[in-house]
Amino acid sequence: MDVKIHPSWKSVLVEEFNKPYFKNLVEFVKSEYATKTIFPPGKLIFNAFEQTPFDDVKVVIIGQDPYHGPNQAMGLCFSVPEGIPLPPSLKNIYKEILDDLGRPSITHGDLTPWARQGVFLLNSVLTVEAGKPGSHQGHGWEIFTDAVIRILSDQKENLVFILWGAYAQKKGILINKSRHFVISSAHPSPLSAHNGFFGSRPFSKTNEYLVRIGKNEISW
């Protein structure tokens, strides 16, 4: 697989890549791609790490699984390629941006412009079998991405961590809240968005914090 990952992340994660669990994970993922339809395309597995270099991370948004439908997953949580219909959660994210900031976000679903401004769009599990949500959970991805969150927390300061829903909020134990700003709310899914996501104003809160510490706002 032609996997791409930014050199800044390679140096930070070299110890993790050399651990036995990760080598087992690589073998599992290679076997899955060789025998089944797996998303995202192999070269996009580490797209979040490619688009947002370690030194540039300002905001971390944590998702769960990649999208499991055709042509949706692109290695950035909540994001779909331009031209693909917006998934329900992303529609609600855009609705909250409009209500929060008083202006619309980008009209397509590709969140690469966010990633290139320092928004690290990390799924907890980086691959999935077509049509089978959760199919690659429990094979080592969570160990890896928990380590990524811990490294970000330990080695950087004044990041904004946005934790939507119970799954992401469980990752809060990995974050040093005295060094970073954590925003938690309900998930933007239609099942829960009305239970605390709408009206939570995570985008303006993030920008207010970034300005306060002397960083540029995110153009959401």
Protein backbone atom coordinates (compact mmCIF):
# COMPACT_ATOMS: atom_id res chain seq x y z
CA MET A 1 0.00 0.00 0.00
CA ASP A 2 1.26 3.45 -0.91
CA VAL A 3 0.73 4.94 2.56
CA LYS A 4 1.61 8.62 3.01
CA ILE A 5 2.39 10.21 6.38
CA HIS A 6 4.12 13.52 7.01
CA PRO A 7 7.80 13.21 8.12
CA SER A 8 7.09 15.22 11.30
CA TRP A 9 4.71 12.49 12.46
CA LYS A 10 7.09 9.70 11.44
CA SER A 11 9.75 11.02 13.81
CA VAL A 12 7.28 11.49 16.68
CA LEU A 13 5.72 8.04 16.24
CA VAL A 14 8.79 5.95 15.40
CA GLU A 15 8.70 4.11 18.74
CA GLU A 16 5.01 3.33 18.29
CA PHE A 17 5.58 2.00 14.77
CA ASN A 18 8.18 -0.42 16.12
CA LYS A 19 5.98 -1.96 18.83
CA PRO A 20 4.77 -5.55 18.34
CA TYR A 21 1.07 -4.61 18.35
CA PHE A 22 1.60 -2.18 15.47
CA LYS A 23 3.44 -4.74 13.39
CA ASN A 24 0.53 -7.14 13.95
CA LEU A 25 -1.90 -4.37 13.00
CA VAL A 26 -0.03 -3.72 9.75
CA GLU A 27 -0.23 -7.41 8.83
CA PHE A 28 -3.96 -7.47 9.58
CA VAL A 29 -4.63 -4.33 7.53
CA LYS A 30 -2.55 -5.57 4.57
CA SER A 31 -4.45 -8.86 4.58
CA GLU A 32 -7.81 -7.07 4.71
CA TYR A 33 -6.95 -4.80 1.78
CA ALA A 34 -5.72 -7.78 -0.22
CA THR A 35 -8.90 -9.82 0.24
CA LYS A 36 -11.82 -7.41 0.84
CA THR A 37 -13.09 -3.95 0.01
CA ILE A 38 -11.66 -1.67 2.69
CA PHE A 39 -12.01 2.08 3.20
CA PRO A 40 -10.39 4.55 2.88
CA PRO A 41 -8.09 3.88 -0.09
CA GLY A 42 -4.76 2.64 1.26
CA LYS A 43 -2.86 5.82 0.42
CA LEU A 44 -5.34 7.85 2.53
CA ILE A 45 -5.19 5.79 5.75
CA PHE A 46 -2.91 8.39 7.35
CA ASN A 47 -4.35 11.39 5.47
CA ALA A 48 -4.98 13.30 8.72
CA PHE A 49 -1.28 12.98 9.54
CA GLU A 50 -0.29 14.00 6.01
CA GLN A 51 -2.49 17.10 5.84
CA THR A 52 -1.76 18.37 9.37
CA PRO A 53 1.94 18.09 10.29
CA PHE A 54 2.67 17.53 13.98
CA ASP A 55 4.14 21.01 14.43
CA ASP A 56 1.05 22.63 12.90
CA VAL A 57 -1.64 20.99 15.07
CA LYS A 58 -3.81 23.57 16.85
CA VAL A 59 -7.15 21.77 17.16
CA VAL A 60 -7.95 18.05 17.50
CA ILE A 61 -11.36 16.63 16.56
CA ILE A 62 -11.82 12.95 17.41
CA GLY A 63 -14.11 10.66 15.43
CA GLN A 64 -14.69 6.92 15.65
CA ASP A 65 -14.72 4.87 12.42
CA PRO A 66 -14.20 5.87 8.79
CA TYR A 67 -17.34 6.03 6.69
CA HIS A 68 -18.14 2.55 5.34
CA GLY A 69 -19.97 3.55 2.13
CA PRO A 70 -18.42 3.79 -1.35
CA ASN A 71 -16.23 6.84 -2.04
CA GLN A 72 -16.90 8.45 1.36
CA ALA A 73 -13.90 7.80 3.62
CA MET A 74 -10.83 9.93 2.96
CA GLY A 75 -8.79 9.61 6.15
CA LEU A 76 -10.19 12.73 7.84
CA CYS A 77 -12.93 12.27 10.41
CA PHE A 78 -16.37 13.58 9.37
CA SER A 79 -15.01 14.52 5.90
CA VAL A 80 -16.08 13.22 2.49
CA PRO A 81 -14.58 14.07 -0.91
CA GLU A 82 -16.02 16.96 -2.88
CA GLY A 83 -19.01 15.80 -4.94
CA ILE A 84 -20.13 13.17 -2.40
CA PRO A 85 -23.44 13.93 -0.61
CA LEU A 86 -22.99 15.30 2.90
CA PRO A 87 -23.45 12.66 5.63
CA PRO A 88 -26.02 13.58 8.31
CA SER A 89 -23.46 14.42 11.01
CA LEU A 90 -21.57 16.74 8.69
CA LYS A 91 -24.83 18.48 7.71
CA ASN A 92 -25.40 19.16 11.40
CA ILE A 93 -21.83 20.39 11.86
CA TYR A 94 -22.39 22.88 9.06
CA LYS A 95 -25.73 23.94 10.59
CA GLU A 96 -24.00 24.65 13.88
CA ILE A 97 -21.26 26.65 12.12
CA LEU A 98 -23.95 28.81 10.54
CA ASP A 99 -25.76 29.31 13.86
CA ASP A 100 -22.50 29.82 15.80
CA LEU A 101 -20.59 32.10 13.45
CA GLY A 102 -23.43 33.63 11.44
CA ARG A 103 -22.01 32.53 8.12
CA PRO A 104 -22.02 29.29 6.14
CA SER A 105 -19.08 26.92 5.98
CA ILE A 106 -17.69 25.39 2.80
CA THR A 107 -20.55 23.89 0.77
CA HIS A 108 -18.90 20.57 -0.09
CA GLY A 109 -17.89 17.88 2.39
CA ASP A 110 -14.10 17.92 2.00
CA LEU A 111 -12.61 19.23 5.25
CA THR A 112 -9.05 19.36 3.92
CA PRO A 113 -9.10 23.20 4.22
CA TRP A 114 -9.58 22.74 7.98
CA ALA A 115 -6.79 20.18 8.18
CA ARG A 116 -4.38 22.52 6.41
CA GLN A 117 -5.08 25.20 9.02
CA GLY A 118 -4.09 22.90 11.87
CA VAL A 119 -7.31 21.01 12.61
CA PHE A 120 -6.22 17.40 13.15
CA LEU A 121 -9.20 15.25 12.09
CA LEU A 122 -8.43 11.96 13.82
CA ASN A 123 -10.59 8.85 13.72
CA SER A 124 -9.92 6.40 16.54
CA VAL A 125 -9.98 3.53 14.02
CA LEU A 126 -8.39 4.30 10.66
CA THR A 127 -9.83 1.55 8.43
CA VAL A 128 -13.15 -0.27 7.95
CA GLU A 129 -14.60 -3.00 5.76
CA ALA A 130 -17.19 -1.83 3.22
CA GLY A 131 -20.68 -1.88 4.69
CA LYS A 132 -19.51 -3.13 8.10
CA PRO A 133 -19.16 -0.31 10.64
CA GLY A 134 -16.86 -1.20 13.50
CA SER A 135 -15.33 -4.13 11.63
CA HIS A 136 -11.74 -3.03 12.31
CA GLN A 137 -12.22 -2.13 15.95
CA GLY A 138 -10.17 -4.12 18.45
CA HIS A 139 -7.27 -4.89 16.11
CA GLY A 140 -4.84 -2.29 17.41
CA TRP A 141 -5.92 0.99 15.87
CA GLU A 142 -7.29 2.25 19.18
CA ILE A 143 -3.97 1.55 20.91
CA PHE A 144 -2.21 3.54 18.22
CA THR A 145 -4.55 6.53 18.14
CA ASP A 146 -4.70 6.68 21.96
CA ALA A 147 -0.90 6.95 21.85
CA VAL A 148 -1.22 9.76 19.27
CA ILE A 149 -3.60 11.68 21.56
CA ARG A 150 -1.30 11.14 24.54
CA ILE A 151 1.74 12.33 22.58
CA LEU A 152 -0.11 15.46 21.46
CA SER A 153 -1.16 16.14 25.04
CA ASP A 154 2.33 15.58 26.47
CA GLN A 155 4.49 17.23 23.82
CA LYS A 156 2.37 20.25 22.88
CA GLU A 157 0.63 23.04 24.78
CA ASN A 158 -2.56 25.03 24.33
CA LEU A 159 -4.29 22.68 21.89
CA VAL A 160 -8.07 22.65 21.56
CA PHE A 161 -9.54 19.14 21.84
CA ILE A 162 -13.13 18.86 20.57
CA LEU A 163 -14.85 15.75 21.93
CA TRP A 164 -18.27 15.07 20.41
CA GLY A 165 -20.26 12.24 21.97
CA ALA A 166 -19.54 9.63 24.62
CA TYR A 167 -16.98 7.71 22.56
CA ALA A 168 -14.75 10.74 22.01
CA GLN A 169 -15.26 11.98 25.55
CA LYS A 170 -13.78 8.76 26.92
CA LYS A 171 -10.50 9.90 25.32
CA GLY A 172 -10.50 12.81 27.76
CA ILE A 173 -8.51 10.73 30.24
CA LEU A 174 -5.57 10.88 27.81
CA ILE A 175 -5.53 14.71 27.76
CA ASN A 176 -3.82 16.95 30.29
CA LYS A 177 -6.57 19.50 30.86
CA SER A 178 -4.22 21.90 32.63
CA ARG A 179 -2.22 22.27 29.38
CA HIS A 180 -5.06 22.19 26.85
CA PHE A 181 -8.59 23.49 26.24
CA VAL A 182 -11.20 20.74 26.01
CA ILE A 183 -14.67 21.27 24.48
CA SER A 184 -17.19 18.47 25.04
CA SER A 185 -20.77 18.12 23.83
CA ALA A 186 -23.25 15.68 22.36
CA HIS A 187 -22.39 14.12 18.99
CA PRO A 188 -23.60 15.88 15.81
CA SER A 189 -25.43 12.73 14.69
CA PRO A 190 -29.16 13.26 14.08
CA LEU A 191 -29.75 10.85 17.00
CA SER A 192 -28.11 13.19 19.50
CA ALA A 193 -27.51 16.62 17.97
CA HIS A 194 -30.59 18.09 19.68
CA ASN A 195 -29.35 16.84 23.06
CA GLY A 196 -26.55 19.37 23.39
CA PHE A 197 -24.62 19.63 20.14
CA PHE A 198 -26.79 22.36 18.63
CA GLY A 199 -26.07 25.56 20.51
CA SER A 200 -22.76 24.35 21.96
CA ARG A 201 -20.80 26.87 19.82
CA PRO A 202 -17.54 24.87 19.56
CA PHE A 203 -16.29 26.85 16.57
CA SER A 204 -16.47 30.32 18.13
CA LYS A 205 -15.15 28.94 21.44
CA THR A 206 -12.18 27.45 19.61
CA ASN A 207 -11.42 30.68 17.79
CA GLU A 208 -11.77 32.80 20.93
CA TYR A 209 -9.27 30.56 22.70
CA LEU A 210 -6.82 30.59 19.80
CA VAL A 211 -6.90 34.39 19.62
CA ARG A 212 -6.41 34.59 23.39
CA ILE A 213 -3.18 32.57 23.16
CA GLY A 214 -1.94 34.51 20.16
CA LYS A 215 -2.72 32.06 17.34
CA ASN A 216 -4.67 32.57 14.14
CA GLU A 217 -8.36 31.69 14.07
CA ILE A 218 -9.62 28.75 12.04
CA SER A 219 -11.65 29.67 8.98
CA TRP A 220 -14.39 27.10 9.49
